[in-house]
PDB file of N, CA and C in Angstrom:
ATOM      1  N   MET A   1      -9.391 -10.509  -2.822  1.00  0.00           N
ATOM      2  CA  MET A   1      -9.762 -11.233  -3.658  1.00  0.00           C
ATOM      3  C   MET A   1      -9.550 -13.056  -4.123  1.00  0.00           C
ATOM      4  N   ARG A   2      -8.112 -13.502  -3.736  1.00  0.00           N
ATOM      5  CA  ARG A   2      -7.992 -14.465  -4.212  1.00  0.00           C
ATOM      6  C   ARG A   2      -7.733 -15.152  -3.594  1.00  0.00           C
ATOM      7  N   ARG A   3      -7.604 -14.710  -1.879  1.00  0.00           N
ATOM      8  CA  ARG A   3      -8.340 -15.638  -0.886  1.00  0.00           C
ATOM      9  C   ARG A   3      -9.436 -15.888  -0.397  1.00  0.00           C
ATOM     10  N   GLU A   4     -10.618 -14.983  -1.030  1.00  0.00           N
ATOM     11  CA  GLU A   4     -11.438 -15.505  -0.960  1.00  0.00           C
ATOM     12  C   GLU A   4     -12.032 -16.082  -1.652  1.00  0.00           C
ATOM     13  N   VAL A   5     -11.393 -16.671  -2.896  1.00  0.00           N
ATOM     14  CA  VAL A   5     -11.920 -17.726  -3.651  1.00  0.00           C
ATOM     15  C   VAL A   5     -11.001 -18.992  -3.047  1.00  0.00           C
ATOM     16  N   THR A   6     -10.019 -18.746  -2.938  1.00  0.00           N
ATOM     17  CA  THR A   6      -9.121 -20.283  -1.457  1.00  0.00           C
ATOM     18  C   THR A   6      -9.653 -20.352  -0.841  1.00  0.00           C
ATOM     19  N   GLU A   7     -10.499 -19.815  -0.027  1.00  0.00           N
ATOM     20  CA  GLU A   7     -11.284 -19.970   1.384  1.00  0.00           C
ATOM     21  C   GLU A   7     -12.416 -20.614   0.558  1.00  0.00           C
ATOM     22  N   LEU A   8     -13.623 -19.880  -0.448  1.00  0.00           N
ATOM     23  CA  LEU A   8     -14.130 -20.592  -0.961  1.00  0.00           C
ATOM     24  C   LEU A   8     -14.074 -22.222  -1.511  1.00  0.00           C
ATOM     25  N   GLU A   9     -13.216 -22.351  -2.422  1.00  0.00           N
ATOM     26  CA  GLU A   9     -13.045 -23.241  -2.614  1.00  0.00           C
ATOM     27  C   GLU A   9     -12.621 -24.570  -1.925  1.00  0.00           C
ATOM     28  N   GLY A  10     -11.571 -24.011  -0.737  1.00  0.00           N
ATOM     29  CA  GLY A  10     -11.609 -25.031   0.518  1.00  0.00           C
ATOM     30  C   GLY A  10     -13.258 -25.370   0.985  1.00  0.00           C
ATOM     31  N   ARG A  11     -13.667 -24.567   1.390  1.00  0.00           N
ATOM     32  CA  ARG A  11     -14.778 -25.052   2.060  1.00  0.00           C
ATOM     33  C   ARG A  11     -15.902 -25.647   0.728  1.00  0.00           C
ATOM     34  N   SER A  12     -15.954 -25.538  -0.178  1.00  0.00           N
ATOM     35  CA  SER A  12     -17.175 -26.284  -1.053  1.00  0.00           C
ATOM     36  C   SER A  12     -15.836 -27.710  -1.062  1.00  0.00           C
ATOM     37  N   ALA A  13     -14.642 -27.816  -0.933  1.00  0.00           N
ATOM     38  CA  ALA A  13     -14.139 -29.235  -0.909  1.00  0.00           C
ATOM     39  C   ALA A  13     -14.304 -29.756   0.387  1.00  0.00           C
ATOM     40  N   THR A  14     -14.271 -29.049   1.650  1.00  0.00           N
ATOM     41  CA  THR A  14     -15.050 -29.850   2.431  1.00  0.00           C
ATOM     42  C   THR A  14     -15.838 -30.260   2.727  1.00  0.00           C
ATOM     43  N   ALA A  15     -17.411 -29.571   2.233  1.00  0.00           N
ATOM     44  CA  ALA A  15     -18.658 -30.146   1.626  1.00  0.00           C
ATOM     45  C   ALA A  15     -18.449 -31.033   1.072  1.00  0.00           C
ATOM     46  N   ALA A  16     -18.042 -31.029   0.143  1.00  0.00           N
ATOM     47  CA  ALA A  16     -18.078 -32.377  -0.737  1.00  0.00           C
ATOM     48  C   ALA A  16     -17.560 -33.995  -0.517  1.00  0.00           C
ATOM     49  N   ARG A  17     -16.427 -33.643   0.260  1.00  0.00           N
ATOM     50  CA  ARG A  17     -16.097 -35.029   1.378  1.00  0.00           C
ATOM     51  C   ARG A  17     -16.727 -35.599   2.464  1.00  0.00           C
ATOM     52  N   LEU A  18     -17.376 -34.599   3.337  1.00  0.00           N
ATOM     53  CA  LEU A  18     -18.368 -34.616   4.190  1.00  0.00           C
ATOM     54  C   LEU A  18     -19.934 -35.113   3.549  1.00  0.00           C
ATOM     55  N   PHE A  19     -20.109 -34.330   2.383  1.00  0.00           N
ATOM     56  CA  PHE A  19     -21.257 -35.145   1.596  1.00  0.00           C
ATOM     57  C   PHE A  19     -20.650 -36.656   1.370  1.00  0.00           C
ATOM     58  N   ASP A  20     -19.564 -36.944   0.637  1.00  0.00           N
ATOM     59  CA  ASP A  20     -19.485 -38.117   0.343  1.00  0.00           C
ATOM     60  C   ASP A  20     -19.232 -39.376   1.995  1.00  0.00           C
ATOM     61  N   ILE A  21     -18.967 -38.931   2.953  1.00  0.00           N
ATOM     62  CA  ILE A  21     -18.670 -39.568   3.505  1.00  0.00           C
ATOM     63  C   ILE A  21     -20.159 -40.160   4.652  1.00  0.00           C
ATOM     64  N   ARG A  22     -21.191 -38.889   4.573  1.00  0.00           N
ATOM     65  CA  ARG A  22     -22.319 -39.164   5.311  1.00  0.00           C
ATOM     66  C   ARG A  22     -23.009 -39.903   4.210  1.00  0.00           C
ATOM     67  N   LEU A  23     -22.721 -39.912   2.817  1.00  0.00           N
ATOM     68  CA  LEU A  23     -23.668 -40.710   2.057  1.00  0.00           C
ATOM     69  C   LEU A  23     -23.483 -42.056   2.485  1.00  0.00           C
ATOM     70  N   PHE A  24     -22.387 -42.710   2.414  1.00  0.00           N
ATOM     71  CA  PHE A  24     -21.988 -43.673   2.745  1.00  0.00           C
ATOM     72  C   PHE A  24     -21.548 -44.274   3.915  1.00  0.00           C
ATOM     73  N   ASP A  25     -22.324 -43.651   5.171  1.00  0.00           N
ATOM     74  CA  ASP A  25     -22.139 -43.508   6.343  1.00  0.00           C
ATOM     75  C   ASP A  25     -22.166 -45.373   6.483  1.00  0.00           C
ATOM     76  N   ILE A  26     -22.027 -46.201   7.762  1.00  0.00           N
ATOM     77  CA  ILE A  26     -22.247 -47.459   7.472  1.00  0.00           C
ATOM     78  C   ILE A  26     -23.546 -47.577   8.245  1.00  0.00           C
ATOM     79  N   ARG A  27     -23.957 -46.168   9.483  1.00  0.00           N
ATOM     80  CA  ARG A  27     -24.810 -46.062   9.882  1.00  0.00           C
ATOM     81  C   ARG A  27     -26.486 -46.052   9.160  1.00  0.00           C
ATOM     82  N   ARG A  28     -26.429 -45.280   8.148  1.00  0.00           N
ATOM     83  CA  ARG A  28     -27.323 -45.097   6.889  1.00  0.00           C
ATOM     84  C   ARG A  28     -27.581 -46.191   5.449  1.00  0.00           C
ATOM     85  N   ILE A  29     -26.281 -47.404   5.968  1.00  0.00           N
ATOM     86  CA  ILE A  29     -26.530 -48.433   4.700  1.00  0.00           C
ATOM     87  C   ILE A  29     -27.204 -49.974   5.562  1.00  0.00           C
ATOM     88  N   ILE A  30     -26.933 -49.850   6.786  1.00  0.00           N
ATOM     89  CA  ILE A  30     -27.538 -50.761   7.359  1.00  0.00           C
ATOM     90  C   ILE A  30     -29.031 -50.547   7.554  1.00  0.00           C
ATOM     91  N   GLY A  31     -29.119 -49.466   7.803  1.00  0.00           N
ATOM     92  CA  GLY A  31     -30.801 -48.763   8.714  1.00  0.00           C
ATOM     93  C   GLY A  31     -31.448 -48.777   8.206  1.00  0.00           C
ATOM     94  N   GLY A  32     -31.151 -48.433   5.986  1.00  0.00           N
ATOM     95  CA  GLY A  32     -31.900 -48.266   5.320  1.00  0.00           C
ATOM     96  C   GLY A  32     -32.374 -49.817   5.119  1.00  0.00           C
ATOM     97  N   PHE A  33     -31.744 -50.742   4.843  1.00  0.00           N
ATOM     98  CA  PHE A  33     -31.274 -51.571   4.442  1.00  0.00           C
ATOM     99  C   PHE A  33     -32.541 -52.709   5.698  1.00  0.00           C
ATOM    100  N   PHE A  34     -32.282 -52.568   6.934  1.00  0.00           N
ATOM    101  CA  PHE A  34     -33.082 -53.516   7.620  1.00  0.00           C
ATOM    102  C   PHE A  34     -34.365 -52.887   7.642  1.00  0.00           C
ATOM    103  N   VAL A  35     -34.567 -51.873   7.196  1.00  0.00           N
ATOM    104  CA  VAL A  35     -36.208 -50.904   7.120  1.00  0.00           C
ATOM    105  C   VAL A  35     -36.482 -51.561   5.813  1.00  0.00           C
ATOM    106  N   VAL A  36     -35.533 -51.291   4.528  1.00  0.00           N
ATOM    107  CA  VAL A  36     -36.374 -51.875   3.349  1.00  0.00           C
ATOM    108  C   VAL A  36     -36.929 -53.220   3.134  1.00  0.00           C
ATOM    109  N   TYR A  37     -35.486 -54.068   4.184  1.00  0.00           N
ATOM    110  CA  TYR A  37     -36.563 -55.248   3.736  1.00  0.00           C
ATOM    111  C   TYR A  37     -36.834 -56.074   5.026  1.00  0.00           C
ATOM    112  N   GLY A  38     -37.446 -55.493   6.196  1.00  0.00           N
ATOM    113  CA  GLY A  38     -38.363 -55.303   7.131  1.00  0.00           C
ATOM    114  C   GLY A  38     -39.149 -55.086   6.224  1.00  0.00           C
ATOM    115  N   VAL A  39     -40.321 -54.003   5.310  1.00  0.00           N
ATOM    116  CA  VAL A  39     -41.149 -53.885   4.926  1.00  0.00           C
ATOM    117  C   VAL A  39     -41.536 -54.601   3.857  1.00  0.00           C
ATOM    118  N   ILE A  40     -40.472 -55.470   3.183  1.00  0.00           N
ATOM    119  CA  ILE A  40     -40.689 -56.700   2.048  1.00  0.00           C
ATOM    120  C   ILE A  40     -41.344 -57.832   3.165  1.00  0.00           C
ATOM    121  N   VAL A  41     -40.389 -58.173   4.332  1.00  0.00           N
ATOM    122  CA  VAL A  41     -40.511 -59.482   4.695  1.00  0.00           C
ATOM    123  C   VAL A  41     -42.221 -59.211   5.806  1.00  0.00           C
ATOM    124  N   THR A  42     -42.729 -57.981   5.873  1.00  0.00           N
ATOM    125  CA  THR A  42     -44.102 -57.675   6.603  1.00  0.00           C
ATOM    126  C   THR A  42     -44.798 -57.970   5.272  1.00  0.00           C
ATOM    127  N   LEU A  43     -45.179 -57.588   3.676  1.00  0.00           N
ATOM    128  CA  LEU A  43     -45.672 -58.192   2.981  1.00  0.00           C
ATOM    129  C   LEU A  43     -45.500 -59.238   2.341  1.00  0.00           C
ATOM    130  N   ALA A  44     -44.501 -60.077   3.191  1.00  0.00           N
ATOM    131  CA  ALA A  44     -44.149 -61.719   3.262  1.00  0.00           C
ATOM    132  C   ALA A  44     -45.324 -62.118   3.499  1.00  0.00           C
ATOM    133  N   ASP A  45     -45.259 -61.556   4.657  1.00  0.00           N
ATOM    134  CA  ASP A  45     -45.868 -62.221   6.437  1.00  0.00           C
ATOM    135  C   ASP A  45     -47.373 -61.724   5.636  1.00  0.00           C
ATOM    136  N   PHE A  46     -48.461 -61.233   5.142  1.00  0.00           N
ATOM    137  CA  PHE A  46     -49.599 -61.046   4.400  1.00  0.00           C
ATOM    138  C   PHE A  46     -49.805 -62.394   4.149  1.00  0.00           C
ATOM    139  N   THR A  47     -49.133 -63.482   3.033  1.00  0.00           N
ATOM    140  CA  THR A  47     -49.822 -64.079   3.022  1.00  0.00           C
ATOM    141  C   THR A  47     -49.045 -65.774   3.200  1.00  0.00           C
ATOM    142  N   ALA A  48     -48.665 -65.453   4.478  1.00  0.00           N
ATOM    143  CA  ALA A  48     -48.062 -66.842   5.251  1.00  0.00           C
ATOM    144  C   ALA A  48     -49.448 -67.680   6.169  1.00  0.00           C
ATOM    145  N   SER A  49     -49.504 -68.978   5.183  1.00  0.00           N
ATOM    146  CA  SER A  49     -50.680 -69.828   5.152  1.00  0.00           C
ATOM    147  C   SER A  49     -50.441 -70.092   6.932  1.00  0.00           C
ATOM    148  N   ASP A  50     -51.760 -70.812   7.241  1.00  0.00           N
ATOM    149  CA  ASP A  50     -51.893 -71.347   8.237  1.00  0.00           C
ATOM    150  C   ASP A  50     -50.465 -72.835   8.239  1.00  0.00           C
ATOM    151  N   ALA A  51     -50.701 -73.566   7.238  1.00  0.00           N
ATOM    152  CA  ALA A  51     -49.319 -74.705   7.041  1.00  0.00           C
ATOM    153  C   ALA A  51     -48.089 -74.506   7.488  1.00  0.00           C
ATOM    154  N   GLU A  52     -47.591 -73.308   6.981  1.00  0.00           N
ATOM    155  CA  GLU A  52     -45.923 -72.522   7.155  1.00  0.00           C
ATOM    156  C   GLU A  52     -46.374 -71.802   8.758  1.00  0.00           C
ATOM    157  N   ILE A  53     -47.039 -71.435   9.537  1.00  0.00           N
ATOM    158  CA  ILE A  53     -46.859 -71.425  10.441  1.00  0.00           C
ATOM    159  C   ILE A  53     -47.058 -72.590  11.168  1.00  0.00           C
ATOM    160  N   ASP A  54     -48.161 -73.517  10.987  1.00  0.00           N
ATOM    161  CA  ASP A  54     -47.685 -74.413  11.999  1.00  0.00           C
ATOM    162  C   ASP A  54     -46.386 -75.455  12.160  1.00  0.00           C
ATOM    163  N   LYS A  55     -45.753 -75.101  10.797  1.00  0.00           N
ATOM    164  CA  LYS A  55     -43.923 -75.337  10.157  1.00  0.00           C
ATOM    165  C   LYS A  55     -43.203 -75.555  11.539  1.00  0.00           C
ATOM    166  N   ALA A  56     -43.740 -74.273  12.175  1.00  0.00           N
ATOM    167  CA  ALA A  56     -42.697 -72.848  12.737  1.00  0.00           C
ATOM    168  C   ALA A  56     -43.490 -73.197  14.445  1.00  0.00           C
ATOM    169  N   GLU A  57     -44.130 -74.496  14.150  1.00  0.00           N
ATOM    170  CA  GLU A  57     -44.853 -74.815  15.822  1.00  0.00           C
ATOM    171  C   GLU A  57     -45.560 -73.743  15.948  1.00  0.00           C
ATOM    172  N   GLY A  58     -45.962 -72.868  15.084  1.00  0.00           N
ATOM    173  CA  GLY A  58     -47.680 -72.063  15.511  1.00  0.00           C
ATOM    174  C   GLY A  58     -47.135 -70.036  15.952  1.00  0.00           C
ATOM    175  N   VAL A  59     -45.928 -70.576  15.735  1.00  0.00           N
ATOM    176  CA  VAL A  59     -45.213 -69.072  15.884  1.00  0.00           C
ATOM    177  C   VAL A  59     -45.216 -68.008  14.486  1.00  0.00           C
ATOM    178  N   ASN A  60     -45.801 -67.684  14.456  1.00  0.00           N
ATOM    179  CA  ASN A  60     -45.209 -67.119  13.484  1.00  0.00           C
ATOM    180  C   ASN A  60     -43.690 -65.909  13.123  1.00  0.00           C
ATOM    181  N   ILE A  61     -43.215 -66.782  12.744  1.00  0.00           N
ATOM    182  CA  ILE A  61     -41.693 -66.265  12.698  1.00  0.00           C
ATOM    183  C   ILE A  61     -41.660 -64.850  12.160  1.00  0.00           C
ATOM    184  N   ASN A  62     -42.602 -65.239  10.640  1.00  0.00           N
ATOM    185  CA  ASN A  62     -42.467 -63.922  10.050  1.00  0.00           C
ATOM    186  C   ASN A  62     -42.446 -62.380  10.870  1.00  0.00           C
ATOM    187  N   LEU A  63     -43.645 -63.085  11.873  1.00  0.00           N
ATOM    188  CA  LEU A  63     -43.540 -60.844  12.582  1.00  0.00           C
ATOM    189  C   LEU A  63     -42.590 -60.716  13.349  1.00  0.00           C
ATOM    190  N   TRP A  64     -41.554 -61.803  13.899  1.00  0.00           N
ATOM    191  CA  TRP A  64     -41.330 -61.986  15.247  1.00  0.00           C
ATOM    192  C   TRP A  64     -40.033 -61.054  14.115  1.00  0.00           C
ATOM    193  N   THR A  65     -39.435 -61.775  12.907  1.00  0.00           N
ATOM    194  CA  THR A  65     -38.290 -61.387  12.558  1.00  0.00           C
ATOM    195  C   THR A  65     -38.570 -59.968  12.347  1.00  0.00           C
ATOM    196  N   VAL A  66     -39.988 -59.671  11.104  1.00  0.00           N
ATOM    197  CA  VAL A  66     -40.050 -58.223  10.347  1.00  0.00           C
ATOM    198  C   VAL A  66     -39.801 -57.361  12.153  1.00  0.00           C
ATOM    199  N   LEU A  67     -40.506 -57.622  13.295  1.00  0.00           N
ATOM    200  CA  LEU A  67     -40.245 -56.895  14.531  1.00  0.00           C
ATOM    201  C   LEU A  67     -38.846 -56.264  14.775  1.00  0.00           C
ATOM    202  N   GLY A  68     -37.911 -57.447  14.676  1.00  0.00           N
ATOM    203  CA  GLY A  68     -36.879 -57.060  14.994  1.00  0.00           C
ATOM    204  C   GLY A  68     -35.551 -56.482  13.787  1.00  0.00           C
ATOM    205  N   MET A  69     -35.680 -56.832  13.096  1.00  0.00           N
ATOM    206  CA  MET A  69     -35.219 -55.929  11.703  1.00  0.00           C
ATOM    207  C   MET A  69     -35.590 -54.364  11.744  1.00  0.00           C
ATOM    208  N   LEU A  70     -36.981 -54.196  11.639  1.00  0.00           N
ATOM    209  CA  LEU A  70     -37.572 -52.789  11.495  1.00  0.00           C
ATOM    210  C   LEU A  70     -36.792 -51.922  13.480  1.00  0.00           C
ATOM    211  N   ALA A  71     -36.521 -52.777  13.999  1.00  0.00           N
ATOM    212  CA  ALA A  71     -36.382 -52.201  15.590  1.00  0.00           C
ATOM    213  C   ALA A  71     -34.669 -52.183  15.313  1.00  0.00           C
ATOM    214  N   LEU A  72     -34.215 -53.053  14.674  1.00  0.00           N
ATOM    215  CA  LEU A  72     -32.598 -52.772  14.270  1.00  0.00           C
ATOM    216  C   LEU A  72     -32.655 -51.493  13.201  1.00  0.00           C
ATOM    217  N   GLY A  73     -33.387 -51.187  12.427  1.00  0.00           N
ATOM    218  CA  GLY A  73     -33.101 -50.781  11.314  1.00  0.00           C
ATOM    219  C   GLY A  73     -33.805 -48.873  11.632  1.00  0.00           C
ATOM    220  N   VAL A  74     -34.624 -48.750  12.241  1.00  0.00           N
ATOM    221  CA  VAL A  74     -34.773 -47.157  13.050  1.00  0.00           C
ATOM    222  C   VAL A  74     -33.367 -46.909  14.261  1.00  0.00           C
ATOM    223  N   PHE A  75     -33.256 -47.906  14.663  1.00  0.00           N
ATOM    224  CA  PHE A  75     -32.360 -47.801  15.461  1.00  0.00           C
ATOM    225  C   PHE A  75     -31.031 -47.054  15.086  1.00  0.00           C
ATOM    226  N   PHE A  76     -30.671 -47.707  14.145  1.00  0.00           N
ATOM    227  CA  PHE A  76     -29.710 -47.046  13.142  1.00  0.00           C
ATOM    228  C   PHE A  76     -29.601 -45.802  12.671  1.00  0.00           C
ATOM    229  N   LEU A  77     -30.709 -45.351  12.339  1.00  0.00           N
ATOM    230  CA  LEU A  77     -31.377 -44.561  11.845  1.00  0.00           C
ATOM    231  C   LEU A  77     -31.289 -43.219  12.572  1.00  0.00           C
ATOM    232  N   THR A  78     -32.173 -43.485  13.578  1.00  0.00           N
ATOM    233  CA  THR A  78     -31.778 -42.650  14.777  1.00  0.00           C
ATOM    234  C   THR A  78     -30.628 -42.889  15.487  1.00  0.00           C
ATOM    235  N   TRP A  79     -29.750 -43.299  14.989  1.00  0.00           N
ATOM    236  CA  TRP A  79     -28.509 -42.689  16.021  1.00  0.00           C
ATOM    237  C   TRP A  79     -27.632 -42.115  15.046  1.00  0.00           C
ATOM    238  N   LEU A  80     -27.794 -42.396  13.492  1.00  0.00           N
ATOM    239  CA  LEU A  80     -26.688 -41.616  12.343  1.00  0.00           C
ATOM    240  C   LEU A  80     -27.850 -39.945  12.568  1.00  0.00           C
ATOM    241  N   TRP A  81     -28.439 -39.712  13.370  1.00  0.00           N
ATOM    242  CA  TRP A  81     -30.012 -38.358  13.119  1.00  0.00           C
ATOM    243  C   TRP A  81     -29.174 -37.732  14.634  1.00  0.00           C
ATOM    244  N   LEU A  82     -29.206 -38.658  15.333  1.00  0.00           N
ATOM    245  CA  LEU A  82     -28.844 -38.094  16.763  1.00  0.00           C
ATOM    246  C   LEU A  82     -27.412 -37.573  17.007  1.00  0.00           C
ATOM    247  N   ARG A  83     -26.492 -38.026  16.345  1.00  0.00           N
ATOM    248  CA  ARG A  83     -25.266 -38.553  16.917  1.00  0.00           C
ATOM    249  C   ARG A  83     -24.639 -38.175  14.832  1.00  0.00           C
ATOM    250  N   PRO A  84     -24.817 -36.907  14.356  1.00  0.00           N
ATOM    251  CA  PRO A  84     -23.818 -37.018  13.208  1.00  0.00           C
ATOM    252  C   PRO A  84     -22.579 -36.285  12.845  1.00  0.00           C
ATOM    253  N   ILE A  85     -22.116 -36.722  11.542  1.00  0.00           N
ATOM    254  CA  ILE A  85     -20.598 -36.687  11.569  1.00  0.00           C
ATOM    255  C   ILE A  85     -20.430 -35.646  11.711  1.00  0.00           C
ATOM    256  N   ARG A  86     -18.911 -35.006  12.445  1.00  0.00           N
ATOM    257  CA  ARG A  86     -18.788 -33.541  12.674  1.00  0.00           C
ATOM    258  C   ARG A  86     -17.441 -33.357  11.843  1.00  0.00           C
ATOM    259  N   SER A  87     -17.009 -32.089  11.404  1.00  0.00           N
ATOM    260  CA  SER A  87     -16.266 -31.558  10.715  1.00  0.00           C
ATOM    261  C   SER A  87     -15.131 -31.348  11.540  1.00  0.00           C
ATOM    262  N   ALA A  88     -13.810 -32.166  10.851  1.00  0.00           N
ATOM    263  CA  ALA A  88     -12.470 -32.098  11.913  1.00  0.00           C
ATOM    264  C   ALA A  88     -12.384 -30.826  11.535  1.00  0.00           C
ATOM    265  N   GLU A  89     -12.262 -29.690  10.063  1.00  0.00           N
ATOM    266  CA  GLU A  89     -11.384 -28.423  10.673  1.00  0.00           C
ATOM    267  C   GLU A  89     -12.944 -27.503  10.999  1.00  0.00           C
ATOM    268  N   GLU A  90     -14.075 -27.561  11.243  1.00  0.00           N
ATOM    269  CA  GLU A  90     -14.988 -26.748  12.160  1.00  0.00           C
ATOM    270  C   GLU A  90     -14.985 -27.287  13.592  1.00  0.00           C
ATOM    271  N   GLY A  91     -14.989 -28.207  13.633  1.00  0.00           N
ATOM    272  CA  GLY A  91     -15.548 -28.744  14.579  1.00  0.00           C
ATOM    273  C   GLY A  91     -16.880 -29.131  15.459  1.00  0.00           C
ATOM    274  N   GLU A  92     -17.738 -28.874  14.571  1.00  0.00           N
ATOM    275  CA  GLU A  92     -19.712 -28.406  15.427  1.00  0.00           C
ATOM    276  C   GLU A  92     -20.162 -29.866  13.808  1.00  0.00           C
ATOM    277  N   ALA A  93     -21.369 -30.429  14.218  1.00  0.00           N
ATOM    278  CA  ALA A  93     -21.809 -31.223  13.325  1.00  0.00           C
ATOM    279  C   ALA A  93     -22.393 -30.311  12.474  1.00  0.00           C
ATOM    280  N   LEU A  94     -23.258 -32.015  11.605  1.00  0.00           N
ATOM    281  CA  LEU A  94     -24.026 -31.182  10.624  1.00  0.00           C
ATOM    282  C   LEU A  94     -25.167 -30.979  10.721  1.00  0.00           C
ATOM    283  N   PRO A  95     -26.197 -30.250  10.417  1.00  0.00           N
ATOM    284  CA  PRO A  95     -27.749 -30.493  10.849  1.00  0.00           C
ATOM    285  C   PRO A  95     -27.980 -31.767  10.122  1.00  0.00           C
ATOM    286  N   PRO A  96     -29.048 -33.347  11.011  1.00  0.00           N
ATOM    287  CA  PRO A  96     -29.699 -33.812   9.748  1.00  0.00           C
ATOM    288  C   PRO A  96     -29.774 -34.058   8.476  1.00  0.00           C
ATOM    289  N   GLY A  97     -30.371 -32.775   8.144  1.00  0.00           N
ATOM    290  CA  GLY A  97     -30.784 -33.471   6.799  1.00  0.00           C
ATOM    291  C   GLY A  97     -29.708 -32.709   5.756  1.00  0.00           C
ATOM    292  N   ASP A  98     -29.051 -31.600   6.279  1.00  0.00           N
ATOM    293  CA  ASP A  98     -27.923 -31.202   5.304  1.00  0.00           C
ATOM    294  C   ASP A  98     -26.840 -31.690   5.520  1.00  0.00           C
ATOM    295  N   ALA A  99     -26.562 -31.911   4.105  1.00  0.00           N
ATOM    296  CA  ALA A  99     -25.173 -32.490   3.792  1.00  0.00           C
ATOM    297  C   ALA A  99     -23.973 -31.343   3.941  1.00  0.00           C
ATOM    298  N   LEU A 100     -24.749 -30.163   3.386  1.00  0.00           N
ATOM    299  CA  LEU A 100     -23.986 -29.329   2.863  1.00  0.00           C
ATOM    300  C   LEU A 100     -23.404 -28.425   3.835  1.00  0.00           C
ATOM    301  N   GLY A 101     -23.758 -28.526   4.748  1.00  0.00           N
ATOM    302  CA  GLY A 101     -23.460 -27.069   6.055  1.00  0.00           C
ATOM    303  C   GLY A 101     -24.481 -25.794   5.838  1.00  0.00           C
TER     304      GLY A 101
END
């Protein structure tokens, strides 16, 4: 019985550590930042006047910025989903939506 409890405690500690690592994975932070900020810039793009577009020599710079930001954000989030962090003890990947294994 004591061995089972020790084993469960070890699994719990490993799951908690992997949860922390996955939560603060730089790909999640960068991807989320670019997607959220891309949505904010999209909203700003709807309020762009003709004078602002003329300042940029007729190029809607907000539109191109948004497309680049969203593409980069989606790239990082897709990378995170396709290549999840692997547990060193188990040697297997966690499913994309399951942080506790």
